[in-house]
Amino acid sequence: MIEMRESELKQESGRIPLAERLAAIAHALKAKAGKYGRPVNKDEIDDLWGHP
């Protein structure tokens, strides 16, 4: 079952342009954040990645 779904996803990924797939992912993450989501500034991002 998992292999079948992975195969379907590979076929689907070839049909949908990357920009559209990324937009869908961004939309889903934004919806998941709900009303408590907030912008993250550069300093916070650097801290997460361990940059000085």
C-alpha atoms as a PDB file:
ATOM      1  CA  MET A   1       0.000   0.000   0.000  1.00  0.00           C
ATOM      2  CA  ILE A   2       2.789   2.425   0.918  1.00  0.00           C
ATOM      3  CA  GLU A   3       4.741   1.625  -2.238  1.00  0.00           C
ATOM      4  CA  MET A   4       1.631   2.183  -4.340  1.00  0.00           C
ATOM      5  CA  ARG A   5       1.032   5.594  -2.747  1.00  0.00           C
ATOM      6  CA  GLU A   6       4.692   6.570  -3.169  1.00  0.00           C
ATOM      7  CA  SER A   7       4.446   5.672  -6.835  1.00  0.00           C
ATOM      8  CA  GLU A   8       1.312   7.797  -7.195  1.00  0.00           C
ATOM      9  CA  LEU A   9       3.036  10.721  -5.511  1.00  0.00           C
ATOM     10  CA  LYS A  10       6.021  10.458  -7.853  1.00  0.00           C
ATOM     11  CA  GLN A  11       3.719  10.496 -10.876  1.00  0.00           C
ATOM     12  CA  GLU A  12       1.724  13.401  -9.473  1.00  0.00           C
ATOM     13  CA  SER A  13       4.830  15.422  -8.645  1.00  0.00           C
ATOM     14  CA  GLY A  14       5.802  15.326 -12.291  1.00  0.00           C
ATOM     15  CA  ARG A  15       2.510  16.864 -13.374  1.00  0.00           C
ATOM     16  CA  ILE A  16       2.102  19.724 -10.898  1.00  0.00           C
ATOM     17  CA  PRO A  17       4.560  22.600 -11.304  1.00  0.00           C
ATOM     18  CA  LEU A  18       6.923  23.096  -8.385  1.00  0.00           C
ATOM     19  CA  ALA A  19       5.654  26.625  -7.703  1.00  0.00           C
ATOM     20  CA  GLU A  20       2.111  25.312  -7.262  1.00  0.00           C
ATOM     21  CA  ARG A  21       3.226  22.486  -4.974  1.00  0.00           C
ATOM     22  CA  LEU A  22       5.217  24.914  -2.816  1.00  0.00           C
ATOM     23  CA  ALA A  23       2.278  27.334  -2.691  1.00  0.00           C
ATOM     24  CA  ALA A  24       0.013  24.515  -1.507  1.00  0.00           C
ATOM     25  CA  ILE A  25       2.504  23.527   1.198  1.00  0.00           C
ATOM     26  CA  ALA A  26       2.841  27.154   2.333  1.00  0.00           C
ATOM     27  CA  HIS A  27      -0.949  27.526   2.425  1.00  0.00           C
ATOM     28  CA  ALA A  28      -1.338  24.354   4.480  1.00  0.00           C
ATOM     29  CA  LEU A  29       1.319  25.457   6.967  1.00  0.00           C
ATOM     30  CA  LYS A  30      -0.220  28.918   7.268  1.00  0.00           C
ATOM     31  CA  ALA A  31      -3.622  27.370   7.946  1.00  0.00           C
ATOM     32  CA  LYS A  32      -2.072  25.066  10.532  1.00  0.00           C
ATOM     33  CA  ALA A  33      -0.514  28.026  12.362  1.00  0.00           C
ATOM     34  CA  GLY A  34      -3.973  29.511  12.819  1.00  0.00           C
ATOM     35  CA  LYS A  35      -4.360  32.797  14.625  1.00  0.00           C
ATOM     36  CA  TYR A  36      -1.248  32.186  16.721  1.00  0.00           C
ATOM     37  CA  GLY A  37       1.160  32.263  13.793  1.00  0.00           C
ATOM     38  CA  ARG A  38       3.569  35.169  13.526  1.00  0.00           C
ATOM     39  CA  PRO A  39       6.356  36.346  11.262  1.00  0.00           C
ATOM     40  CA  VAL A  40       9.829  35.149  12.226  1.00  0.00           C
ATOM     41  CA  ASN A  41      12.608  37.712  11.981  1.00  0.00           C
ATOM     42  CA  LYS A  42      16.112  37.091  10.626  1.00  0.00           C
ATOM     43  CA  ASP A  43      17.703  36.906  14.086  1.00  0.00           C
ATOM     44  CA  GLU A  44      15.319  34.116  15.127  1.00  0.00           C
ATOM     45  CA  ILE A  45      16.046  32.192  11.934  1.00  0.00           C
ATOM     46  CA  ASP A  46      19.789  32.583  12.469  1.00  0.00           C
ATOM     47  CA  ASP A  47      19.389  31.287  16.035  1.00  0.00           C
ATOM     48  CA  LEU A  48      17.469  28.250  14.800  1.00  0.00           C
ATOM     49  CA  TRP A  49      20.234  27.424  12.321  1.00  0.00           C
ATOM     50  CA  GLY A  50      23.026  28.168  14.777  1.00  0.00           C
ATOM     51  CA  HIS A  51      24.355  31.155  12.844  1.00  0.00           C
ATOM     52  CA  PRO A  52      26.062  33.970  14.772  1.00  0.00           C
END
